Amino acid sequence: MDILRTHPMAVIAGVLQENPFFVPPDEFLRELRARAGGGNDS
């Protein structure tokens, strides 16, 4: 799921379209850091 969340476009049912699961890079990295226990948001 994380891989899908890092791409703004996705092929769904053979059609290239905007990815509804996309998360901007800074937000995604913040989430990864929080999961790893390094919840420093600065």
PDB file of N, CA and C in Angstrom:
ATOM      1  N   MET A   1       0.831  -1.200   0.000  1.00  0.00           N
ATOM      2  CA  MET A   1       0.000   0.000   0.000  1.00  0.00           C
ATOM      3  C   MET A   1       0.870   1.255   0.000  1.00  0.00           C
ATOM      4  N   ASP A   2       2.000   1.220   0.724  1.00  0.00           N
ATOM      5  CA  ASP A   2       2.870   2.398   0.768  1.00  0.00           C
ATOM      6  C   ASP A   2       3.377   2.775  -0.624  1.00  0.00           C
ATOM      7  N   ILE A   3       3.698   1.780  -1.434  1.00  0.00           N
ATOM      8  CA  ILE A   3       4.184   2.073  -2.790  1.00  0.00           C
ATOM      9  C   ILE A   3       3.115   2.806  -3.576  1.00  0.00           C
ATOM     10  N   LEU A   4       1.901   2.340  -3.503  1.00  0.00           N
ATOM     11  CA  LEU A   4       0.798   2.989  -4.215  1.00  0.00           C
ATOM     12  C   LEU A   4       0.614   4.431  -3.742  1.00  0.00           C
ATOM     13  N   ARG A   5       0.795   4.671  -2.452  1.00  0.00           N
ATOM     14  CA  ARG A   5       0.586   6.006  -1.895  1.00  0.00           C
ATOM     15  C   ARG A   5       1.627   7.023  -2.348  1.00  0.00           C
ATOM     16  N   THR A   6       2.759   6.560  -2.915  1.00  0.00           N
ATOM     17  CA  THR A   6       3.827   7.487  -3.295  1.00  0.00           C
ATOM     18  C   THR A   6       3.756   7.939  -4.749  1.00  0.00           C
ATOM     19  N   HIS A   7       2.785   7.481  -5.498  1.00  0.00           N
ATOM     20  CA  HIS A   7       2.684   7.829  -6.917  1.00  0.00           C
ATOM     21  C   HIS A   7       1.397   8.610  -7.190  1.00  0.00           C
ATOM     22  N   PRO A   8       1.506   9.778  -7.819  1.00  0.00           N
ATOM     23  CA  PRO A   8       0.313  10.593  -8.070  1.00  0.00           C
ATOM     24  C   PRO A   8      -0.608  10.020  -9.153  1.00  0.00           C
ATOM     25  N   MET A   9      -0.063   9.137  -9.998  1.00  0.00           N
ATOM     26  CA  MET A   9      -0.864   8.509 -11.047  1.00  0.00           C
ATOM     27  C   MET A   9      -0.763   7.001 -10.879  1.00  0.00           C
ATOM     28  N   ALA A  10      -1.811   6.285 -11.279  1.00  0.00           N
ATOM     29  CA  ALA A  10      -1.811   4.830 -11.183  1.00  0.00           C
ATOM     30  C   ALA A  10      -2.604   4.255 -12.352  1.00  0.00           C
ATOM     31  N   VAL A  11      -2.232   3.044 -12.751  1.00  0.00           N
ATOM     32  CA  VAL A  11      -2.990   2.335 -13.772  1.00  0.00           C
ATOM     33  C   VAL A  11      -4.014   1.478 -13.030  1.00  0.00           C
ATOM     34  N   ILE A  12      -5.269   1.805 -13.237  1.00  0.00           N
ATOM     35  CA  ILE A  12      -6.366   1.083 -12.599  1.00  0.00           C
ATOM     36  C   ILE A  12      -7.269   0.550 -13.698  1.00  0.00           C
ATOM     37  N   ALA A  13      -7.432  -0.763 -13.724  1.00  0.00           N
ATOM     38  CA  ALA A  13      -8.228  -1.436 -14.759  1.00  0.00           C
ATOM     39  C   ALA A  13      -7.718  -1.078 -16.156  1.00  0.00           C
ATOM     40  N   GLY A  14      -6.385  -0.965 -16.285  1.00  0.00           N
ATOM     41  CA  GLY A  14      -5.775  -0.693 -17.584  1.00  0.00           C
ATOM     42  C   GLY A  14      -5.821   0.756 -18.033  1.00  0.00           C
ATOM     43  N   VAL A  15      -6.267   1.656 -17.155  1.00  0.00           N
ATOM     44  CA  VAL A  15      -6.399   3.070 -17.509  1.00  0.00           C
ATOM     45  C   VAL A  15      -5.542   3.901 -16.560  1.00  0.00           C
ATOM     46  N   LEU A  16      -4.703   4.785 -17.129  1.00  0.00           N
ATOM     47  CA  LEU A  16      -3.897   5.691 -16.311  1.00  0.00           C
ATOM     48  C   LEU A  16      -4.799   6.801 -15.781  1.00  0.00           C
ATOM     49  N   GLN A  17      -4.804   6.940 -14.452  1.00  0.00           N
ATOM     50  CA  GLN A  17      -5.648   7.969 -13.848  1.00  0.00           C
ATOM     51  C   GLN A  17      -5.024   8.491 -12.556  1.00  0.00           C
ATOM     52  N   GLU A  18      -5.581   9.581 -12.044  1.00  0.00           N
ATOM     53  CA  GLU A  18      -5.095  10.129 -10.790  1.00  0.00           C
ATOM     54  C   GLU A  18      -5.277   9.091  -9.699  1.00  0.00           C
ATOM     55  N   ASN A  19      -4.273   8.976  -8.850  1.00  0.00           N
ATOM     56  CA  ASN A  19      -4.294   7.997  -7.778  1.00  0.00           C
ATOM     57  C   ASN A  19      -5.034   8.568  -6.564  1.00  0.00           C
ATOM     58  N   PRO A  20      -6.161   7.982  -6.195  1.00  0.00           N
ATOM     59  CA  PRO A  20      -6.919   8.496  -5.049  1.00  0.00           C
ATOM     60  C   PRO A  20      -6.228   8.247  -3.701  1.00  0.00           C
ATOM     61  N   PHE A  21      -5.187   7.403  -3.685  1.00  0.00           N
ATOM     62  CA  PHE A  21      -4.476   7.078  -2.450  1.00  0.00           C
ATOM     63  C   PHE A  21      -3.188   7.869  -2.285  1.00  0.00           C
ATOM     64  N   PHE A  22      -2.867   8.742  -3.250  1.00  0.00           N
ATOM     65  CA  PHE A  22      -1.613   9.510  -3.221  1.00  0.00           C
ATOM     66  C   PHE A  22      -1.525  10.404  -1.993  1.00  0.00           C
ATOM     67  N   VAL A  23      -0.334  10.405  -1.373  1.00  0.00           N
ATOM     68  CA  VAL A  23      -0.046  11.265  -0.225  1.00  0.00           C
ATOM     69  C   VAL A  23       1.204  12.073  -0.592  1.00  0.00           C
ATOM     70  N   PRO A  24       1.211  13.387  -0.410  1.00  0.00           N
ATOM     71  CA  PRO A  24       2.391  14.194  -0.735  1.00  0.00           C
ATOM     72  C   PRO A  24       3.634  13.677   0.002  1.00  0.00           C
ATOM     73  N   PRO A  25       4.818  13.792  -0.616  1.00  0.00           N
ATOM     74  CA  PRO A  25       6.046  13.228  -0.045  1.00  0.00           C
ATOM     75  C   PRO A  25       6.340  13.650   1.387  1.00  0.00           C
ATOM     76  N   ASP A  26       6.180  14.925   1.740  1.00  0.00           N
ATOM     77  CA  ASP A  26       6.501  15.358   3.103  1.00  0.00           C
ATOM     78  C   ASP A  26       5.577  14.703   4.135  1.00  0.00           C
ATOM     79  N   GLU A  27       4.308  14.549   3.790  1.00  0.00           N
ATOM     80  CA  GLU A  27       3.364  13.892   4.689  1.00  0.00           C
ATOM     81  C   GLU A  27       3.679  12.395   4.815  1.00  0.00           C
ATOM     82  N   PHE A  28       4.010  11.767   3.693  1.00  0.00           N
ATOM     83  CA  PHE A  28       4.346  10.340   3.706  1.00  0.00           C
ATOM     84  C   PHE A  28       5.580  10.080   4.570  1.00  0.00           C
ATOM     85  N   LEU A  29       6.622  10.900   4.409  1.00  0.00           N
ATOM     86  CA  LEU A  29       7.829  10.720   5.214  1.00  0.00           C
ATOM     87  C   LEU A  29       7.560  10.947   6.694  1.00  0.00           C
ATOM     88  N   ARG A  30       6.720  11.908   7.011  1.00  0.00           N
ATOM     89  CA  ARG A  30       6.346  12.164   8.404  1.00  0.00           C
ATOM     90  C   ARG A  30       5.672  10.926   9.006  1.00  0.00           C
ATOM     91  N   GLU A  31       4.787  10.296   8.241  1.00  0.00           N
ATOM     92  CA  GLU A  31       4.113   9.083   8.700  1.00  0.00           C
ATOM     93  C   GLU A  31       5.113   7.944   8.907  1.00  0.00           C
ATOM     94  N   LEU A  32       6.055   7.783   7.974  1.00  0.00           N
ATOM     95  CA  LEU A  32       7.059   6.724   8.108  1.00  0.00           C
ATOM     96  C   LEU A  32       7.908   6.922   9.358  1.00  0.00           C
ATOM     97  N   ARG A  33       8.304   8.152   9.600  1.00  0.00           N
ATOM     98  CA  ARG A  33       9.112   8.439  10.797  1.00  0.00           C
ATOM     99  C   ARG A  33       8.319   8.131  12.063  1.00  0.00           C
ATOM    100  N   ALA A  34       7.050   8.474  12.080  1.00  0.00           N
ATOM    101  CA  ALA A  34       6.222   8.206  13.254  1.00  0.00           C
ATOM    102  C   ALA A  34       6.069   6.708  13.479  1.00  0.00           C
ATOM    103  N   ARG A  35       5.930   5.940  12.411  1.00  0.00           N
ATOM    104  CA  ARG A  35       5.830   4.480  12.530  1.00  0.00           C
ATOM    105  C   ARG A  35       7.099   3.875  13.088  1.00  0.00           C
ATOM    106  N   ALA A  36       8.243   4.450  12.707  1.00  0.00           N
ATOM    107  CA  ALA A  36       9.538   3.930  13.127  1.00  0.00           C
ATOM    108  C   ALA A  36       9.876   4.357  14.559  1.00  0.00           C
ATOM    109  N   GLY A  37       9.034   5.159  15.158  1.00  0.00           N
ATOM    110  CA  GLY A  37       9.282   5.596  16.533  1.00  0.00           C
ATOM    111  C   GLY A  37      10.064   6.884  16.611  1.00  0.00           C
ATOM    112  N   GLY A  38      10.376   7.473  15.479  1.00  0.00           N
ATOM    113  CA  GLY A  38      11.092   8.743  15.474  1.00  0.00           C
ATOM    114  C   GLY A  38      10.141   9.887  15.224  1.00  0.00           C
ATOM    115  N   GLY A  39       9.102  10.000  16.005  1.00  0.00           N
ATOM    116  CA  GLY A  39       8.024  10.939  15.795  1.00  0.00           C
ATOM    117  C   GLY A  39       8.388  12.402  15.812  1.00  0.00           C
ATOM    118  N   ASN A  40       9.625  12.757  15.524  1.00  0.00           N
ATOM    119  CA  ASN A  40      10.065  14.162  15.487  1.00  0.00           C
ATOM    120  C   ASN A  40       9.517  14.807  14.216  1.00  0.00           C
ATOM    121  N   ASP A  41       8.543  15.705  14.355  1.00  0.00           N
ATOM    122  CA  ASP A  41       7.906  16.362  13.215  1.00  0.00           C
ATOM    123  C   ASP A  41       8.602  17.637  12.775  1.00  0.00           C
ATOM    124  N   SER A  42       9.768  17.958  13.319  1.00  0.00           N
ATOM    125  CA  SER A  42      10.420  19.226  12.957  1.00  0.00           C
ATOM    126  C   SER A  42      11.274  19.088  11.733  1.00  0.00           C
TER     127      SER A  42
END
